[in-house]
Amino acid sequence: MIDFDAIIFDFDGVLIESEFEGNRHLAELLTTLGYPTSVA
C-alpha cells in the first residue's frame, strides 16, 4: 500500500481551469455521434 503525505483536491479554476477543455471534448464527442455542437 502507498502512503501519501498529502492529497491535493482542485475545485475547477483554483489551480487549473479545465472547463473549456472539457467542453471542447464534449462538443467533439457529440459531433461525432451526429449532434453537431461547438464550444460557446
PDB file of N, CA and C in Angstrom:
ATOM      1  N   MET A   1       0.844  -1.185   0.000  1.00  0.00           N
ATOM      2  CA  MET A   1       0.000   0.000   0.000  1.00  0.00           C
ATOM      3  C   MET A   1       0.889   1.248   0.000  1.00  0.00           C
ATOM      4  N   ILE A   2       0.467   2.272  -0.733  1.00  0.00           N
ATOM      5  CA  ILE A   2       1.232   3.517  -0.830  1.00  0.00           C
ATOM      6  C   ILE A   2       0.797   4.471   0.274  1.00  0.00           C
ATOM      7  N   ASP A   3       1.767   5.022   0.978  1.00  0.00           N
ATOM      8  CA  ASP A   3       1.479   6.041   1.993  1.00  0.00           C
ATOM      9  C   ASP A   3       1.611   7.422   1.364  1.00  0.00           C
ATOM     10  N   PHE A   4       0.592   8.238   1.507  1.00  0.00           N
ATOM     11  CA  PHE A   4       0.601   9.597   0.971  1.00  0.00           C
ATOM     12  C   PHE A   4       0.822  10.589   2.102  1.00  0.00           C
ATOM     13  N   ASP A   5       1.647  11.593   1.855  1.00  0.00           N
ATOM     14  CA  ASP A   5       1.831  12.681   2.816  1.00  0.00           C
ATOM     15  C   ASP A   5       0.761  13.746   2.639  1.00  0.00           C
ATOM     16  N   ALA A   6       0.267  13.872   1.401  1.00  0.00           N
ATOM     17  CA  ALA A   6      -0.761  14.882   1.122  1.00  0.00           C
ATOM     18  C   ALA A   6      -1.504  14.509  -0.151  1.00  0.00           C
ATOM     19  N   ILE A   7      -2.730  14.953  -0.240  1.00  0.00           N
ATOM     20  CA  ILE A   7      -3.547  14.812  -1.443  1.00  0.00           C
ATOM     21  C   ILE A   7      -4.100  16.190  -1.752  1.00  0.00           C
ATOM     22  N   ILE A   8      -3.979  16.614  -3.008  1.00  0.00           N
ATOM     23  CA  ILE A   8      -4.462  17.940  -3.403  1.00  0.00           C
ATOM     24  C   ILE A   8      -5.760  17.777  -4.189  1.00  0.00           C
ATOM     25  N   PHE A   9      -6.807  18.429  -3.729  1.00  0.00           N
ATOM     26  CA  PHE A   9      -8.069  18.483  -4.449  1.00  0.00           C
ATOM     27  C   PHE A   9      -8.171  19.855  -5.103  1.00  0.00           C
ATOM     28  N   ASP A  10      -8.544  19.881  -6.381  1.00  0.00           N
ATOM     29  CA  ASP A  10      -8.656  21.156  -7.092  1.00  0.00           C
ATOM     30  C   ASP A  10     -10.103  21.390  -7.495  1.00  0.00           C
ATOM     31  N   PHE A  11     -10.709  22.432  -6.955  1.00  0.00           N
ATOM     32  CA  PHE A  11     -12.005  22.869  -7.445  1.00  0.00           C
ATOM     33  C   PHE A  11     -11.735  23.622  -8.732  1.00  0.00           C
ATOM     34  N   ASP A  12     -12.507  23.358  -9.780  1.00  0.00           N
ATOM     35  CA  ASP A  12     -12.215  23.908 -11.097  1.00  0.00           C
ATOM     36  C   ASP A  12     -11.965  25.408 -11.036  1.00  0.00           C
ATOM     37  N   GLY A  13     -10.819  25.800 -11.546  1.00  0.00           N
ATOM     38  CA  GLY A  13     -10.470  27.204 -11.613  1.00  0.00           C
ATOM     39  C   GLY A  13      -9.546  27.678 -10.512  1.00  0.00           C
ATOM     40  N   VAL A  14      -9.335  26.871  -9.483  1.00  0.00           N
ATOM     41  CA  VAL A  14      -8.443  27.289  -8.397  1.00  0.00           C
ATOM     42  C   VAL A  14      -6.989  27.119  -8.836  1.00  0.00           C
ATOM     43  N   LEU A  15      -6.621  25.915  -9.239  1.00  0.00           N
ATOM     44  CA  LEU A  15      -5.260  25.662  -9.723  1.00  0.00           C
ATOM     45  C   LEU A  15      -5.220  25.541 -11.241  1.00  0.00           C
ATOM     46  N   ILE A  16      -6.175  24.846 -11.795  1.00  0.00           N
ATOM     47  CA  ILE A  16      -6.223  24.604 -13.239  1.00  0.00           C
ATOM     48  C   ILE A  16      -7.631  24.912 -13.737  1.00  0.00           C
ATOM     49  N   GLU A  17      -7.722  25.670 -14.820  1.00  0.00           N
ATOM     50  CA  GLU A  17      -9.019  25.973 -15.439  1.00  0.00           C
ATOM     51  C   GLU A  17      -9.268  24.934 -16.530  1.00  0.00           C
ATOM     52  N   SER A  18     -10.084  23.938 -16.236  1.00  0.00           N
ATOM     53  CA  SER A  18     -10.284  22.827 -17.166  1.00  0.00           C
ATOM     54  C   SER A  18     -11.656  22.837 -17.836  1.00  0.00           C
ATOM     55  N   GLU A  19     -12.493  23.798 -17.518  1.00  0.00           N
ATOM     56  CA  GLU A  19     -13.852  23.801 -18.061  1.00  0.00           C
ATOM     57  C   GLU A  19     -13.852  23.873 -19.584  1.00  0.00           C
ATOM     58  N   PHE A  20     -13.023  24.749 -20.174  1.00  0.00           N
ATOM     59  CA  PHE A  20     -13.012  24.890 -21.632  1.00  0.00           C
ATOM     60  C   PHE A  20     -12.609  23.583 -22.303  1.00  0.00           C
ATOM     61  N   GLU A  21     -11.559  22.931 -21.808  1.00  0.00           N
ATOM     62  CA  GLU A  21     -11.109  21.672 -22.408  1.00  0.00           C
ATOM     63  C   GLU A  21     -12.186  20.600 -22.300  1.00  0.00           C
ATOM     64  N   GLY A  22     -12.851  20.521 -21.185  1.00  0.00           N
ATOM     65  CA  GLY A  22     -13.931  19.551 -21.027  1.00  0.00           C
ATOM     66  C   GLY A  22     -15.065  19.811 -22.001  1.00  0.00           C
ATOM     67  N   ASN A  23     -15.413  21.080 -22.160  1.00  0.00           N
ATOM     68  CA  ASN A  23     -16.476  21.441 -23.104  1.00  0.00           C
ATOM     69  C   ASN A  23     -16.067  21.129 -24.539  1.00  0.00           C
ATOM     70  N   ARG A  24     -14.800  21.361 -24.859  1.00  0.00           N
ATOM     71  CA  ARG A  24     -14.315  21.086 -26.215  1.00  0.00           C
ATOM     72  C   ARG A  24     -14.408  19.593 -26.515  1.00  0.00           C
ATOM     73  N   HIS A  25     -13.996  18.761 -25.579  1.00  0.00           N
ATOM     74  CA  HIS A  25     -14.061  17.311 -25.790  1.00  0.00           C
ATOM     75  C   HIS A  25     -15.509  16.834 -25.888  1.00  0.00           C
ATOM     76  N   LEU A  26     -16.381  17.392 -25.085  1.00  0.00           N
ATOM     77  CA  LEU A  26     -17.797  17.024 -25.155  1.00  0.00           C
ATOM     78  C   LEU A  26     -18.389  17.420 -26.504  1.00  0.00           C
ATOM     79  N   ALA A  27     -18.040  18.610 -27.005  1.00  0.00           N
ATOM     80  CA  ALA A  27     -18.533  19.057 -28.308  1.00  0.00           C
ATOM     81  C   ALA A  27     -18.037  18.132 -29.417  1.00  0.00           C
ATOM     82  N   GLU A  28     -16.784  17.705 -29.345  1.00  0.00           N
ATOM     83  CA  GLU A  28     -16.248  16.778 -30.345  1.00  0.00           C
ATOM     84  C   GLU A  28     -16.984  15.442 -30.302  1.00  0.00           C
ATOM     85  N   LEU A  29     -17.245  14.937 -29.110  1.00  0.00           N
ATOM     86  CA  LEU A  29     -17.958  13.669 -28.971  1.00  0.00           C
ATOM     87  C   LEU A  29     -19.372  13.772 -29.533  1.00  0.00           C
ATOM     88  N   LEU A  30     -20.085  14.827 -29.170  1.00  0.00           N
ATOM     89  CA  LEU A  30     -21.456  14.994 -29.663  1.00  0.00           C
ATOM     90  C   LEU A  30     -21.486  15.126 -31.178  1.00  0.00           C
ATOM     91  N   THR A  31     -20.522  15.848 -31.747  1.00  0.00           N
ATOM     92  CA  THR A  31     -20.450  15.997 -33.198  1.00  0.00           C
ATOM     93  C   THR A  31     -20.197  14.641 -33.851  1.00  0.00           C
ATOM     94  N   THR A  32     -19.311  13.846 -33.271  1.00  0.00           N
ATOM     95  CA  THR A  32     -19.023  12.507 -33.787  1.00  0.00           C
ATOM     96  C   THR A  32     -20.261  11.618 -33.740  1.00  0.00           C
ATOM     97  N   LEU A  33     -21.085  11.795 -32.721  1.00  0.00           N
ATOM     98  CA  LEU A  33     -22.297  10.985 -32.570  1.00  0.00           C
ATOM     99  C   LEU A  33     -23.464  11.491 -33.411  1.00  0.00           C
ATOM    100  N   GLY A  34     -23.230  12.568 -34.190  1.00  0.00           N
ATOM    101  CA  GLY A  34     -24.266  13.066 -35.082  1.00  0.00           C
ATOM    102  C   GLY A  34     -25.046  14.251 -34.554  1.00  0.00           C
ATOM    103  N   TYR A  35     -24.571  14.867 -33.485  1.00  0.00           N
ATOM    104  CA  TYR A  35     -25.211  16.052 -32.915  1.00  0.00           C
ATOM    105  C   TYR A  35     -24.225  17.215 -32.991  1.00  0.00           C
ATOM    106  N   PRO A  36     -24.145  17.869 -34.165  1.00  0.00           N
ATOM    107  CA  PRO A  36     -23.159  18.935 -34.352  1.00  0.00           C
ATOM    108  C   PRO A  36     -23.258  20.001 -33.258  1.00  0.00           C
ATOM    109  N   THR A  37     -22.144  20.251 -32.612  1.00  0.00           N
ATOM    110  CA  THR A  37     -22.076  21.175 -31.489  1.00  0.00           C
ATOM    111  C   THR A  37     -20.752  21.911 -31.552  1.00  0.00           C
ATOM    112  N   SER A  38     -20.736  23.134 -31.051  1.00  0.00           N
ATOM    113  CA  SER A  38     -19.484  23.874 -30.943  1.00  0.00           C
ATOM    114  C   SER A  38     -19.357  24.392 -29.515  1.00  0.00           C
ATOM    115  N   VAL A  39     -18.150  24.755 -29.149  1.00  0.00           N
ATOM    116  CA  VAL A  39     -17.904  25.314 -27.824  1.00  0.00           C
ATOM    117  C   VAL A  39     -18.297  26.781 -27.859  1.00  0.00           C
ATOM    118  N   ALA A  40     -19.190  27.165 -26.973  1.00  0.00           N
ATOM    119  CA  ALA A  40     -19.659  28.560 -26.964  1.00  0.00           C
ATOM    120  C   ALA A  40     -18.848  29.392 -26.006  1.00  0.00           C
TER     121      ALA A  40
END
